[in-house]
N, C-alpha and C. Protein backbone atom coordinates (compact mmCIF):
# COMPACT_ATOMS: atom_id res chain seq x y z
N MET A 1 -20.73 74.13 76.56
CA MET A 1 -19.56 74.65 75.96
C MET A 1 -18.73 73.52 75.31
N THR A 2 -18.61 72.41 75.99
CA THR A 2 -17.85 71.33 75.37
C THR A 2 -18.54 70.87 74.09
N LEU A 3 -19.83 70.96 74.15
CA LEU A 3 -20.51 70.53 72.94
C LEU A 3 -20.21 71.50 71.81
N LEU A 4 -20.17 72.74 72.10
CA LEU A 4 -19.87 73.75 71.11
C LEU A 4 -18.43 73.59 70.62
N LEU A 5 -17.51 73.34 71.52
CA LEU A 5 -16.12 73.14 71.14
C LEU A 5 -15.99 71.86 70.31
N GLN A 6 -16.72 70.87 70.68
CA GLN A 6 -16.66 69.63 69.90
C GLN A 6 -17.24 69.87 68.51
N ALA A 7 -18.31 70.67 68.40
CA ALA A 7 -18.91 70.98 67.11
C ALA A 7 -17.95 71.80 66.27
N ILE A 8 -17.23 72.74 66.88
CA ILE A 8 -16.26 73.56 66.15
C ILE A 8 -15.09 72.67 65.70
N GLY A 9 -14.63 71.82 66.54
CA GLY A 9 -13.54 70.90 66.20
C GLY A 9 -13.95 69.97 65.08
N PHE A 10 -15.23 69.51 65.19
CA PHE A 10 -15.72 68.62 64.14
C PHE A 10 -15.85 69.38 62.83
N GLY A 11 -16.29 70.62 62.88
CA GLY A 11 -16.42 71.47 61.68
C GLY A 11 -15.06 71.72 61.06
N ILE A 12 -14.02 71.99 61.91
CA ILE A 12 -12.67 72.20 61.40
C ILE A 12 -12.16 70.91 60.75
N PHE A 13 -12.47 69.79 61.38
CA PHE A 13 -12.06 68.49 60.81
C PHE A 13 -12.72 68.28 59.45
N ILE A 14 -14.00 68.59 59.35
CA ILE A 14 -14.72 68.42 58.08
C ILE A 14 -14.14 69.37 57.05
N LEU A 15 -13.91 70.62 57.41
CA LEU A 15 -13.34 71.61 56.51
C LEU A 15 -11.95 71.17 56.04
N PHE A 16 -11.13 70.69 56.97
CA PHE A 16 -9.78 70.20 56.63
C PHE A 16 -9.89 69.01 55.67
N THR A 17 -10.81 68.11 55.98
CA THR A 17 -10.98 66.92 55.15
C THR A 17 -11.45 67.31 53.75
N VAL A 18 -12.43 68.24 53.68
CA VAL A 18 -12.96 68.67 52.39
C VAL A 18 -11.89 69.42 51.61
N LYS A 19 -11.07 70.21 52.27
CA LYS A 19 -10.08 71.03 51.59
C LYS A 19 -8.82 70.26 51.24
N PHE A 20 -8.32 69.40 52.11
CA PHE A 20 -7.01 68.76 51.88
C PHE A 20 -7.07 67.25 51.59
N VAL A 21 -8.02 66.55 52.08
CA VAL A 21 -8.05 65.09 51.90
C VAL A 21 -8.90 64.70 50.69
N LEU A 22 -10.07 65.30 50.54
CA LEU A 22 -10.97 64.89 49.46
C LEU A 22 -10.44 65.22 48.06
N PRO A 23 -9.82 66.37 47.78
CA PRO A 23 -9.36 66.62 46.40
C PRO A 23 -8.35 65.58 45.90
N PRO A 24 -7.28 65.25 46.68
CA PRO A 24 -6.39 64.21 46.15
C PRO A 24 -7.09 62.85 46.04
N LEU A 25 -7.97 62.57 46.95
CA LEU A 25 -8.71 61.31 46.91
C LEU A 25 -9.63 61.29 45.68
N ALA A 26 -10.31 62.39 45.38
CA ALA A 26 -11.19 62.48 44.20
C ALA A 26 -10.36 62.38 42.93
N THR A 27 -9.18 63.02 42.93
CA THR A 27 -8.29 62.94 41.77
C THR A 27 -7.83 61.50 41.56
N ALA A 28 -7.46 60.82 42.62
CA ALA A 28 -7.02 59.43 42.52
C ALA A 28 -8.17 58.54 42.02
N ILE A 29 -9.37 58.78 42.53
CA ILE A 29 -10.52 57.99 42.09
C ILE A 29 -10.81 58.26 40.62
N GLU A 30 -10.76 59.54 40.22
CA GLU A 30 -11.00 59.89 38.82
C GLU A 30 -9.94 59.26 37.90
N THR A 31 -8.67 59.32 38.32
CA THR A 31 -7.58 58.71 37.55
C THR A 31 -7.81 57.21 37.40
N ARG A 32 -8.16 56.58 38.47
CA ARG A 32 -8.40 55.12 38.44
C ARG A 32 -9.59 54.81 37.55
N ARG A 33 -10.64 55.63 37.60
CA ARG A 33 -11.82 55.43 36.75
C ARG A 33 -11.44 55.56 35.28
N ARG A 34 -10.61 56.55 34.95
CA ARG A 34 -10.14 56.73 33.57
C ARG A 34 -9.30 55.53 33.12
N GLN A 35 -8.43 55.06 34.01
CA GLN A 35 -7.59 53.90 33.68
C GLN A 35 -8.45 52.67 33.40
N ILE A 36 -9.47 52.50 34.23
CA ILE A 36 -10.36 51.35 34.03
C ILE A 36 -11.12 51.52 32.71
N ALA A 37 -11.61 52.72 32.42
CA ALA A 37 -12.34 52.98 31.17
C ALA A 37 -11.40 52.76 29.97
N ASP A 38 -10.16 53.27 30.10
CA ASP A 38 -9.19 53.06 29.02
C ASP A 38 -8.87 51.57 28.84
N GLY A 39 -8.73 50.87 29.95
CA GLY A 39 -8.48 49.42 29.88
C GLY A 39 -9.63 48.69 29.22
N LEU A 40 -10.85 49.05 29.56
CA LEU A 40 -12.02 48.43 28.92
C LEU A 40 -12.07 48.77 27.43
N ALA A 41 -11.74 50.03 27.09
CA ALA A 41 -11.72 50.41 25.67
C ALA A 41 -10.65 49.62 24.93
N GLU A 42 -9.47 49.47 25.53
CA GLU A 42 -8.40 48.68 24.91
C GLU A 42 -8.81 47.22 24.78
N ALA A 43 -9.52 46.71 25.77
CA ALA A 43 -9.99 45.33 25.70
C ALA A 43 -10.97 45.17 24.54
N GLU A 44 -11.84 46.14 24.35
CA GLU A 44 -12.78 46.09 23.23
C GLU A 44 -12.03 46.17 21.90
N LYS A 45 -11.02 47.05 21.86
CA LYS A 45 -10.19 47.14 20.64
C LYS A 45 -9.47 45.81 20.41
N GLY A 46 -8.98 45.19 21.48
CA GLY A 46 -8.31 43.89 21.37
C GLY A 46 -9.25 42.83 20.84
N LYS A 47 -10.50 42.83 21.35
CA LYS A 47 -11.49 41.87 20.86
C LYS A 47 -11.76 42.09 19.38
N ALA A 48 -11.91 43.37 19.00
CA ALA A 48 -12.16 43.68 17.58
C ALA A 48 -10.95 43.27 16.74
N SER A 49 -9.76 43.57 17.25
CA SER A 49 -8.54 43.19 16.54
C SER A 49 -8.43 41.68 16.43
N LEU A 50 -8.77 40.97 17.49
CA LEU A 50 -8.75 39.50 17.47
C LEU A 50 -9.75 38.97 16.45
N ALA A 51 -10.93 39.55 16.41
CA ALA A 51 -11.93 39.12 15.43
C ALA A 51 -11.43 39.38 14.01
N THR A 52 -10.80 40.53 13.78
CA THR A 52 -10.25 40.84 12.46
C THR A 52 -9.13 39.88 12.11
N ALA A 53 -8.26 39.63 13.07
CA ALA A 53 -7.15 38.69 12.85
C ALA A 53 -7.68 37.29 12.56
N GLN A 54 -8.73 36.87 13.26
CA GLN A 54 -9.32 35.55 13.03
C GLN A 54 -9.90 35.48 11.62
N LYS A 55 -10.54 36.59 11.18
CA LYS A 55 -11.08 36.62 9.81
C LYS A 55 -9.94 36.51 8.80
N GLU A 56 -8.84 37.21 9.04
CA GLU A 56 -7.69 37.14 8.14
C GLU A 56 -7.09 35.74 8.12
N VAL A 57 -7.01 35.15 9.30
CA VAL A 57 -6.48 33.77 9.39
C VAL A 57 -7.38 32.81 8.61
N ASP A 58 -8.69 32.95 8.79
CA ASP A 58 -9.63 32.10 8.05
C ASP A 58 -9.49 32.31 6.54
N LYS A 59 -9.30 33.57 6.15
CA LYS A 59 -9.12 33.89 4.74
C LYS A 59 -7.84 33.27 4.21
N LEU A 60 -6.75 33.38 4.97
CA LEU A 60 -5.47 32.79 4.56
C LEU A 60 -5.57 31.26 4.48
N ILE A 61 -6.27 30.68 5.42
CA ILE A 61 -6.45 29.21 5.40
C ILE A 61 -7.24 28.80 4.16
N ALA A 62 -8.28 29.57 3.86
CA ALA A 62 -9.09 29.26 2.67
C ALA A 62 -8.24 29.40 1.40
N GLU A 63 -7.41 30.45 1.34
CA GLU A 63 -6.52 30.63 0.19
C GLU A 63 -5.52 29.50 0.10
N ALA A 64 -4.97 29.10 1.25
CA ALA A 64 -4.00 28.00 1.26
C ALA A 64 -4.66 26.70 0.78
N LYS A 65 -5.88 26.46 1.23
CA LYS A 65 -6.60 25.26 0.79
C LYS A 65 -6.85 25.31 -0.72
N ALA A 66 -7.23 26.49 -1.21
CA ALA A 66 -7.48 26.63 -2.65
C ALA A 66 -6.19 26.39 -3.43
N LYS A 67 -5.08 26.96 -2.95
CA LYS A 67 -3.79 26.75 -3.62
C LYS A 67 -3.40 25.28 -3.57
N ALA A 68 -3.62 24.64 -2.43
CA ALA A 68 -3.27 23.22 -2.31
C ALA A 68 -4.11 22.39 -3.28
N THR A 69 -5.38 22.72 -3.39
CA THR A 69 -6.24 22.02 -4.34
C THR A 69 -5.76 22.24 -5.77
N GLU A 70 -5.37 23.48 -6.05
CA GLU A 70 -4.86 23.80 -7.39
C GLU A 70 -3.56 23.04 -7.67
N ILE A 71 -2.69 22.99 -6.68
CA ILE A 71 -1.42 22.28 -6.85
C ILE A 71 -1.67 20.79 -7.07
N VAL A 72 -2.60 20.23 -6.31
CA VAL A 72 -2.93 18.81 -6.47
C VAL A 72 -3.51 18.56 -7.86
N ALA A 73 -4.38 19.45 -8.32
CA ALA A 73 -4.96 19.30 -9.66
C ALA A 73 -3.88 19.41 -10.73
N LEU A 74 -2.97 20.35 -10.56
CA LEU A 74 -1.87 20.51 -11.51
C LEU A 74 -0.97 19.28 -11.51
N ALA A 75 -0.69 18.75 -10.33
CA ALA A 75 0.13 17.54 -10.23
C ALA A 75 -0.57 16.36 -10.90
N GLU A 76 -1.88 16.29 -10.73
CA GLU A 76 -2.65 15.22 -11.37
C GLU A 76 -2.58 15.34 -12.89
N LYS A 77 -2.69 16.58 -13.38
CA LYS A 77 -2.59 16.80 -14.83
C LYS A 77 -1.20 16.41 -15.33
N GLN A 78 -0.18 16.81 -14.59
CA GLN A 78 1.19 16.47 -14.99
C GLN A 78 1.39 14.97 -14.96
N ARG A 79 0.84 14.30 -13.96
CA ARG A 79 0.97 12.85 -13.86
C ARG A 79 0.30 12.19 -15.06
N THR A 80 -0.90 12.67 -15.39
CA THR A 80 -1.62 12.12 -16.53
C THR A 80 -0.85 12.38 -17.83
N ALA A 81 -0.31 13.59 -17.96
CA ALA A 81 0.46 13.91 -19.17
C ALA A 81 1.72 13.04 -19.25
N THR A 82 2.36 12.83 -18.11
CA THR A 82 3.56 11.99 -18.09
C THR A 82 3.22 10.56 -18.46
N ILE A 83 2.11 10.06 -17.93
CA ILE A 83 1.69 8.70 -18.25
C ILE A 83 1.38 8.58 -19.74
N GLU A 84 0.67 9.57 -20.28
CA GLU A 84 0.35 9.53 -21.71
C GLU A 84 1.61 9.62 -22.56
N ALA A 85 2.55 10.46 -22.15
CA ALA A 85 3.81 10.57 -22.89
C ALA A 85 4.57 9.26 -22.82
N SER A 86 4.58 8.63 -21.65
CA SER A 86 5.27 7.35 -21.50
C SER A 86 4.60 6.28 -22.36
N LYS A 87 3.27 6.30 -22.40
CA LYS A 87 2.56 5.35 -23.25
C LYS A 87 2.94 5.56 -24.71
N GLY A 88 2.99 6.83 -25.12
CA GLY A 88 3.35 7.14 -26.50
C GLY A 88 4.77 6.69 -26.82
N GLU A 89 5.68 6.97 -25.89
CA GLU A 89 7.08 6.55 -26.08
C GLU A 89 7.18 5.03 -26.13
N ALA A 90 6.43 4.36 -25.26
CA ALA A 90 6.46 2.89 -25.24
C ALA A 90 5.89 2.33 -26.55
N LYS A 91 4.85 2.98 -27.05
CA LYS A 91 4.26 2.53 -28.30
C LYS A 91 5.26 2.71 -29.45
N VAL A 92 5.92 3.86 -29.48
CA VAL A 92 6.93 4.12 -30.51
C VAL A 92 8.07 3.11 -30.40
N ALA A 93 8.52 2.87 -29.16
CA ALA A 93 9.61 1.91 -28.96
C ALA A 93 9.15 0.51 -29.38
N GLY A 94 7.91 0.15 -29.08
CA GLY A 94 7.37 -1.15 -29.48
C GLY A 94 7.31 -1.27 -30.99
N GLU A 95 6.86 -0.20 -31.65
CA GLU A 95 6.81 -0.21 -33.11
C GLU A 95 8.22 -0.35 -33.70
N ARG A 96 9.17 0.37 -33.08
CA ARG A 96 10.57 0.29 -33.54
C ARG A 96 11.10 -1.13 -33.36
N GLU A 97 10.84 -1.73 -32.21
CA GLU A 97 11.28 -3.11 -31.95
C GLU A 97 10.61 -4.06 -32.93
N LYS A 98 9.33 -3.83 -33.18
CA LYS A 98 8.59 -4.67 -34.12
C LYS A 98 9.18 -4.56 -35.52
N GLN A 99 9.52 -3.34 -35.93
CA GLN A 99 10.12 -3.12 -37.25
C GLN A 99 11.49 -3.78 -37.33
N MET A 100 12.28 -3.65 -36.25
CA MET A 100 13.60 -4.28 -36.23
C MET A 100 13.47 -5.79 -36.32
N ALA A 101 12.50 -6.36 -35.60
CA ALA A 101 12.28 -7.80 -35.64
C ALA A 101 11.83 -8.23 -37.03
N SER A 102 10.96 -7.42 -37.64
CA SER A 102 10.49 -7.72 -38.99
C SER A 102 11.64 -7.67 -39.98
N ASP A 103 12.52 -6.66 -39.85
CA ASP A 103 13.70 -6.56 -40.71
C ASP A 103 14.61 -7.76 -40.52
N GLU A 104 14.79 -8.14 -39.28
CA GLU A 104 15.67 -9.29 -38.99
C GLU A 104 15.08 -10.57 -39.57
N ILE A 105 13.76 -10.71 -39.45
CA ILE A 105 13.09 -11.89 -40.02
C ILE A 105 13.27 -11.90 -41.54
N ALA A 106 13.13 -10.73 -42.16
CA ALA A 106 13.30 -10.65 -43.62
C ALA A 106 14.72 -11.02 -44.01
N GLN A 107 15.69 -10.52 -43.24
CA GLN A 107 17.09 -10.86 -43.53
C GLN A 107 17.33 -12.35 -43.37
N LEU A 108 16.81 -12.91 -42.30
CA LEU A 108 16.97 -14.35 -42.07
C LEU A 108 16.28 -15.16 -43.17
N SER A 109 15.12 -14.66 -43.62
CA SER A 109 14.39 -15.34 -44.69
C SER A 109 15.21 -15.32 -45.98
N VAL A 110 15.80 -14.16 -46.31
CA VAL A 110 16.63 -14.06 -47.51
C VAL A 110 17.84 -14.98 -47.39
N LYS A 111 18.45 -14.98 -46.21
CA LYS A 111 19.62 -15.83 -45.98
C LYS A 111 19.23 -17.32 -46.12
N ALA A 112 18.08 -17.69 -45.56
CA ALA A 112 17.63 -19.07 -45.64
C ALA A 112 17.34 -19.46 -47.08
N LYS A 113 16.75 -18.52 -47.85
CA LYS A 113 16.47 -18.80 -49.26
C LYS A 113 17.78 -19.00 -50.03
N GLU A 114 18.77 -18.15 -49.72
CA GLU A 114 20.07 -18.28 -50.39
C GLU A 114 20.69 -19.64 -50.07
N GLU A 115 20.64 -19.99 -48.78
CA GLU A 115 21.20 -21.29 -48.38
C GLU A 115 20.44 -22.43 -49.03
N LEU A 116 19.13 -22.28 -49.13
CA LEU A 116 18.31 -23.30 -49.77
C LEU A 116 18.64 -23.43 -51.26
N ARG A 117 18.85 -22.29 -51.92
CA ARG A 117 19.22 -22.31 -53.33
C ARG A 117 20.55 -23.04 -53.52
N ASP A 118 21.52 -22.67 -52.65
CA ASP A 118 22.83 -23.31 -52.74
C ASP A 118 22.68 -24.82 -52.52
N ARG A 119 21.89 -25.16 -51.57
CA ARG A 119 21.70 -26.58 -51.24
C ARG A 119 21.02 -27.33 -52.38
N VAL A 120 19.98 -26.68 -52.96
CA VAL A 120 19.27 -27.30 -54.09
C VAL A 120 20.21 -27.44 -55.28
N ALA A 121 21.05 -26.43 -55.50
CA ALA A 121 22.01 -26.51 -56.61
C ALA A 121 22.98 -27.65 -56.38
N ASP A 122 23.45 -27.77 -55.13
CA ASP A 122 24.36 -28.87 -54.82
C ASP A 122 23.67 -30.21 -55.01
N LEU A 123 22.42 -30.30 -54.58
CA LEU A 123 21.66 -31.53 -54.76
C LEU A 123 21.42 -31.82 -56.25
N ALA A 124 21.17 -30.78 -57.00
CA ALA A 124 20.95 -30.96 -58.44
C ALA A 124 22.22 -31.47 -59.11
N ILE A 125 23.36 -30.91 -58.68
CA ILE A 125 24.63 -31.36 -59.25
C ILE A 125 24.88 -32.81 -58.87
N ALA A 126 24.63 -33.13 -57.60
CA ALA A 126 24.85 -34.51 -57.16
C ALA A 126 23.92 -35.45 -57.91
N GLY A 127 22.68 -35.03 -58.09
CA GLY A 127 21.73 -35.86 -58.83
C GLY A 127 22.15 -36.02 -60.28
N ALA A 128 22.61 -34.92 -60.87
CA ALA A 128 23.03 -34.98 -62.27
C ALA A 128 24.24 -35.88 -62.40
N GLN A 129 25.16 -35.83 -61.42
CA GLN A 129 26.35 -36.70 -61.47
C GLN A 129 25.93 -38.16 -61.42
N ARG A 130 25.00 -38.44 -60.58
CA ARG A 130 24.57 -39.84 -60.46
C ARG A 130 23.87 -40.29 -61.74
N ILE A 131 23.07 -39.36 -62.30
CA ILE A 131 22.34 -39.73 -63.50
C ILE A 131 23.30 -39.92 -64.66
N LEU A 132 24.19 -39.05 -64.81
CA LEU A 132 25.12 -39.12 -65.93
C LEU A 132 26.28 -40.05 -65.66
N SER A 133 26.48 -40.41 -64.44
CA SER A 133 27.55 -41.27 -63.99
C SER A 133 28.91 -40.76 -64.46
N ARG A 134 29.05 -39.53 -64.45
CA ARG A 134 30.36 -38.96 -64.72
C ARG A 134 30.49 -37.65 -63.97
N GLU A 135 31.65 -37.18 -63.93
CA GLU A 135 31.96 -35.99 -63.16
C GLU A 135 31.67 -34.73 -63.97
N ILE A 136 31.13 -33.76 -63.32
CA ILE A 136 30.88 -32.47 -63.99
C ILE A 136 31.97 -31.53 -63.51
N ASN A 137 32.56 -30.85 -64.42
CA ASN A 137 33.61 -29.90 -64.08
C ASN A 137 32.94 -28.59 -63.66
N PRO A 138 33.12 -28.16 -62.41
CA PRO A 138 32.43 -26.95 -61.94
C PRO A 138 32.91 -25.71 -62.68
N GLN A 139 34.11 -25.65 -63.13
CA GLN A 139 34.60 -24.46 -63.82
C GLN A 139 33.97 -24.33 -65.20
N VAL A 140 33.77 -25.43 -65.83
CA VAL A 140 33.22 -25.41 -67.18
C VAL A 140 31.74 -25.06 -67.12
N HIS A 141 31.07 -25.57 -66.16
CA HIS A 141 29.62 -25.41 -66.10
C HIS A 141 29.18 -24.36 -65.07
N ALA A 142 30.04 -23.43 -64.68
CA ALA A 142 29.72 -22.42 -63.67
C ALA A 142 28.58 -21.52 -64.14
N GLU A 143 28.60 -21.16 -65.41
CA GLU A 143 27.55 -20.30 -65.92
C GLU A 143 26.21 -21.00 -65.86
N LEU A 144 26.19 -22.26 -66.22
CA LEU A 144 24.97 -23.04 -66.17
C LEU A 144 24.45 -23.13 -64.74
N LEU A 145 25.35 -23.33 -63.78
CA LEU A 145 24.96 -23.42 -62.37
C LEU A 145 24.44 -22.09 -61.84
N ASN A 146 25.05 -21.00 -62.26
CA ASN A 146 24.59 -19.68 -61.82
C ASN A 146 23.19 -19.39 -62.35
N GLN A 147 22.89 -19.79 -63.58
CA GLN A 147 21.56 -19.62 -64.13
C GLN A 147 20.54 -20.47 -63.35
N LEU A 148 20.97 -21.67 -63.02
CA LEU A 148 20.10 -22.56 -62.25
C LEU A 148 19.80 -21.97 -60.88
N LYS A 149 20.82 -21.38 -60.23
CA LYS A 149 20.63 -20.72 -58.91
C LYS A 149 19.67 -19.53 -59.02
N ALA A 150 19.83 -18.77 -60.09
CA ALA A 150 18.97 -17.60 -60.27
C ALA A 150 17.52 -18.00 -60.47
N GLU A 151 17.31 -19.10 -61.18
CA GLU A 151 15.95 -19.56 -61.43
C GLU A 151 15.31 -20.10 -60.16
N LEU A 152 16.12 -20.72 -59.30
CA LEU A 152 15.57 -21.27 -58.07
C LEU A 152 15.29 -20.17 -57.09
């Protein structure tokens, strides 16, 4: 009889466990399984998103490198153009300085010739005075002296 009572008690315990304990436990296990599956799915999405983001970052880096190369090339062109412009300006300035120096030399040459003419005229007058041993009146002979200067 005790064995029968123990079997009935055990059967009631199993029935109670199956009816009241197992359903909430199965629900909790199922919920946890879904959470884990969702977490794994989110992790996979995160990995895919990370891979996509890495591709975008690589693309942006490549674009930045291309732009930097383009900027460097443009700066090099501008530097070359600036150097060429400076060379042209320096050449023009050199030509201008050369022309100014040439003009100044011509002016100095004309001035030196004028001074030389005056000097030669004075020497000619002094020589003529010595040869003639008399004084020449500059007012009387001004026209003659001017002709002599023009010829020299």
